[in-house]
């Protein structure tokens, strides 16, 4: 397309790829709001759901764990479930980013955004 322009043609190609990547990154960020992951603790007695961006959306607690003597245990289980969900969200976000960078011909371990 811009063969006679030498390095300017390369620059135009790079700019086009950068614009494509910016568009795909914006779409991925929007998609991450809709991807849900669930973390668990206490063998599934406490479940926390969050988006792939790490935003907590729901908490499901089995009623069998409610005992006033075990308040601290319940609190620990809730925190553990939330942390598990956030870890899974971060992993899922990294997987989605790897798909994007791979599709653009970039190294899979490239950290974006810069």
C-alpha atoms as a PDB file:
ATOM      1  CA  UNK A   1       0.000   0.000   0.000  1.00  0.00           C
ATOM      2  CA  UNK A   2       2.695   2.518   0.920  1.00  0.00           C
ATOM      3  CA  UNK A   3       5.689   0.662  -0.533  1.00  0.00           C
ATOM      4  CA  UNK A   4       7.416   3.713  -2.000  1.00  0.00           C
ATOM      5  CA  UNK A   5       7.452   5.545   1.330  1.00  0.00           C
ATOM      6  CA  UNK A   6       9.967   3.284   3.069  1.00  0.00           C
ATOM      7  CA  UNK A   7       9.875   3.694   6.831  1.00  0.00           C
ATOM      8  CA  UNK A   8       6.786   5.927   6.604  1.00  0.00           C
ATOM      9  CA  UNK A   9       4.860   2.924   5.279  1.00  0.00           C
ATOM     10  CA  UNK A  10       6.070   0.898   8.251  1.00  0.00           C
ATOM     11  CA  UNK A  11       4.999   3.679  10.589  1.00  0.00           C
ATOM     12  CA  UNK A  12       1.527   3.791   9.036  1.00  0.00           C
ATOM     13  CA  UNK A  13       1.220   0.043   9.525  1.00  0.00           C
ATOM     14  CA  UNK A  14       2.327   0.335  13.128  1.00  0.00           C
ATOM     15  CA  UNK A  15      -0.173   3.123  13.761  1.00  0.00           C
ATOM     16  CA  UNK A  16      -2.955   1.018  12.276  1.00  0.00           C
ATOM     17  CA  UNK A  17      -2.003  -1.926  14.518  1.00  0.00           C
ATOM     18  CA  UNK A  18      -1.855   0.387  17.540  1.00  0.00           C
ATOM     19  CA  UNK A  19      -5.357   1.647  16.782  1.00  0.00           C
ATOM     20  CA  UNK A  20      -6.601  -1.933  16.375  1.00  0.00           C
ATOM     21  CA  UNK A  21      -5.043  -2.882  19.698  1.00  0.00           C
ATOM     22  CA  UNK A  22      -6.566   0.152  21.424  1.00  0.00           C
ATOM     23  CA  UNK A  23      -9.989  -0.792  20.090  1.00  0.00           C
ATOM     24  CA  UNK A  24      -9.603  -4.431  21.151  1.00  0.00           C
ATOM     25  CA  UNK A  25      -8.344  -3.371  24.598  1.00  0.00           C
ATOM     26  CA  UNK A  26     -11.384  -1.150  25.089  1.00  0.00           C
ATOM     27  CA  UNK A  27     -13.686  -4.009  24.077  1.00  0.00           C
ATOM     28  CA  UNK A  28     -11.859  -6.402  26.401  1.00  0.00           C
ATOM     29  CA  UNK A  29     -12.202  -3.968  29.328  1.00  0.00           C
ATOM     30  CA  UNK A  30     -15.935  -3.790  28.664  1.00  0.00           C
ATOM     31  CA  UNK A  31     -16.174  -7.594  28.400  1.00  0.00           C
ATOM     32  CA  UNK A  32     -14.353  -8.001  31.726  1.00  0.00           C
ATOM     33  CA  UNK A  33     -17.335  -6.349  33.448  1.00  0.00           C
ATOM     34  CA  UNK A  34     -19.533  -9.210  32.204  1.00  0.00           C
ATOM     35  CA  UNK A  35     -17.227 -12.158  32.916  1.00  0.00           C
ATOM     36  CA  UNK A  36     -18.063 -13.632  36.317  1.00  0.00           C
ATOM     37  CA  UNK A  37     -15.854 -15.857  38.468  1.00  0.00           C
ATOM     38  CA  UNK A  38     -16.660 -17.532  41.787  1.00  0.00           C
ATOM     39  CA  UNK A  39     -14.319 -18.100  44.719  1.00  0.00           C
ATOM     40  CA  UNK A  40     -15.049 -20.523  47.541  1.00  0.00           C
ATOM     41  CA  UNK A  41     -13.951 -21.304  51.063  1.00  0.00           C
ATOM     42  CA  UNK A  42     -14.995 -23.786  53.728  1.00  0.00           C
ATOM     43  CA  UNK A  43     -15.554 -26.532  51.157  1.00  0.00           C
ATOM     44  CA  UNK A  44     -18.128 -24.380  49.371  1.00  0.00           C
ATOM     45  CA  UNK A  45     -19.928 -23.090  52.471  1.00  0.00           C
ATOM     46  CA  UNK A  46     -19.048 -19.527  51.464  1.00  0.00           C
ATOM     47  CA  UNK A  47     -18.986 -18.413  47.822  1.00  0.00           C
ATOM     48  CA  UNK A  48     -18.058 -14.986  46.490  1.00  0.00           C
ATOM     49  CA  UNK A  49     -18.755 -13.895  42.915  1.00  0.00           C
ATOM     50  CA  UNK A  50     -16.971 -11.065  41.180  1.00  0.00           C
ATOM     51  CA  UNK A  51     -16.296  -9.727  37.712  1.00  0.00           C
ATOM     52  CA  UNK A  52     -13.024 -10.456  35.959  1.00  0.00           C
ATOM     53  CA  UNK A  53     -12.074  -6.896  36.959  1.00  0.00           C
ATOM     54  CA  UNK A  54     -12.303  -7.963  40.615  1.00  0.00           C
ATOM     55  CA  UNK A  55     -15.521  -6.128  41.526  1.00  0.00           C
ATOM     56  CA  UNK A  56     -17.449  -8.119  44.147  1.00  0.00           C
ATOM     57  CA  UNK A  57     -20.982  -8.814  42.901  1.00  0.00           C
ATOM     58  CA  UNK A  58     -22.377 -11.470  45.193  1.00  0.00           C
ATOM     59  CA  UNK A  59     -21.884 -13.468  48.356  1.00  0.00           C
ATOM     60  CA  UNK A  60     -23.579 -16.799  49.133  1.00  0.00           C
ATOM     61  CA  UNK A  61     -23.283 -18.124  52.685  1.00  0.00           C
ATOM     62  CA  UNK A  62     -24.620 -21.524  53.726  1.00  0.00           C
ATOM     63  CA  UNK A  63     -26.857 -20.951  56.779  1.00  0.00           C
ATOM     64  CA  UNK A  64     -25.309 -23.915  58.584  1.00  0.00           C
ATOM     65  CA  UNK A  65     -22.243 -21.842  59.476  1.00  0.00           C
ATOM     66  CA  UNK A  66     -24.159 -19.263  61.482  1.00  0.00           C
ATOM     67  CA  UNK A  67     -23.382 -19.866  65.110  1.00  0.00           C
ATOM     68  CA  UNK A  68     -22.609 -16.938  67.380  1.00  0.00           C
ATOM     69  CA  UNK A  69     -19.662 -18.836  68.864  1.00  0.00           C
ATOM     70  CA  UNK A  70     -18.049 -19.111  65.412  1.00  0.00           C
ATOM     71  CA  UNK A  71     -18.256 -15.454  64.389  1.00  0.00           C
ATOM     72  CA  UNK A  72     -14.513 -15.181  63.721  1.00  0.00           C
ATOM     73  CA  UNK A  73     -14.511 -18.412  61.705  1.00  0.00           C
ATOM     74  CA  UNK A  74     -17.364 -17.112  59.546  1.00  0.00           C
ATOM     75  CA  UNK A  75     -15.553 -13.813  58.992  1.00  0.00           C
ATOM     76  CA  UNK A  76     -12.396 -15.696  57.969  1.00  0.00           C
ATOM     77  CA  UNK A  77     -14.374 -17.875  55.555  1.00  0.00           C
ATOM     78  CA  UNK A  78     -15.966 -14.815  53.977  1.00  0.00           C
ATOM     79  CA  UNK A  79     -12.612 -13.111  53.523  1.00  0.00           C
ATOM     80  CA  UNK A  80     -11.076 -16.289  52.113  1.00  0.00           C
ATOM     81  CA  UNK A  81     -13.898 -16.671  49.565  1.00  0.00           C
ATOM     82  CA  UNK A  82     -13.537 -13.038  48.463  1.00  0.00           C
ATOM     83  CA  UNK A  83      -9.759 -13.376  48.124  1.00  0.00           C
ATOM     84  CA  UNK A  84     -10.221 -16.595  46.120  1.00  0.00           C
ATOM     85  CA  UNK A  85     -12.678 -14.854  43.792  1.00  0.00           C
ATOM     86  CA  UNK A  86     -10.323 -11.898  43.333  1.00  0.00           C
ATOM     87  CA  UNK A  87      -7.411 -14.235  42.568  1.00  0.00           C
ATOM     88  CA  UNK A  88      -9.514 -16.066  39.996  1.00  0.00           C
ATOM     89  CA  UNK A  89     -10.587 -12.721  38.528  1.00  0.00           C
ATOM     90  CA  UNK A  90      -6.960 -11.645  38.114  1.00  0.00           C
ATOM     91  CA  UNK A  91      -6.096 -14.984  36.491  1.00  0.00           C
ATOM     92  CA  UNK A  92      -9.059 -14.709  34.120  1.00  0.00           C
ATOM     93  CA  UNK A  93      -8.114 -11.144  33.220  1.00  0.00           C
ATOM     94  CA  UNK A  94      -4.575 -12.306  32.442  1.00  0.00           C
ATOM     95  CA  UNK A  95      -5.959 -15.127  30.247  1.00  0.00           C
ATOM     96  CA  UNK A  96      -8.105 -12.650  28.324  1.00  0.00           C
ATOM     97  CA  UNK A  97      -5.136 -10.315  27.886  1.00  0.00           C
ATOM     98  CA  UNK A  98      -2.990 -13.216  26.628  1.00  0.00           C
ATOM     99  CA  UNK A  99      -5.652 -14.010  24.016  1.00  0.00           C
ATOM    100  CA  UNK A 100      -5.616 -10.387  22.886  1.00  0.00           C
ATOM    101  CA  UNK A 101      -1.838 -10.078  22.652  1.00  0.00           C
ATOM    102  CA  UNK A 102      -1.541 -13.456  20.916  1.00  0.00           C
ATOM    103  CA  UNK A 103      -4.140 -12.388  18.362  1.00  0.00           C
ATOM    104  CA  UNK A 104      -2.110  -9.260  17.676  1.00  0.00           C
ATOM    105  CA  UNK A 105       1.104 -11.256  17.195  1.00  0.00           C
ATOM    106  CA  UNK A 106       2.646  -9.984  20.427  1.00  0.00           C
ATOM    107  CA  UNK A 107       4.428 -12.149  23.018  1.00  0.00           C
ATOM    108  CA  UNK A 108       1.915 -13.914  25.297  1.00  0.00           C
ATOM    109  CA  UNK A 109       3.716 -12.722  28.435  1.00  0.00           C
ATOM    110  CA  UNK A 110       3.689  -9.061  27.387  1.00  0.00           C
ATOM    111  CA  UNK A 111       2.184  -6.921  30.132  1.00  0.00           C
ATOM    112  CA  UNK A 112      -0.444  -4.457  28.933  1.00  0.00           C
ATOM    113  CA  UNK A 113      -1.334  -1.705  29.316  1.00  0.00           C
ATOM    114  CA  UNK A 114       2.177  -0.357  29.480  1.00  0.00           C
END
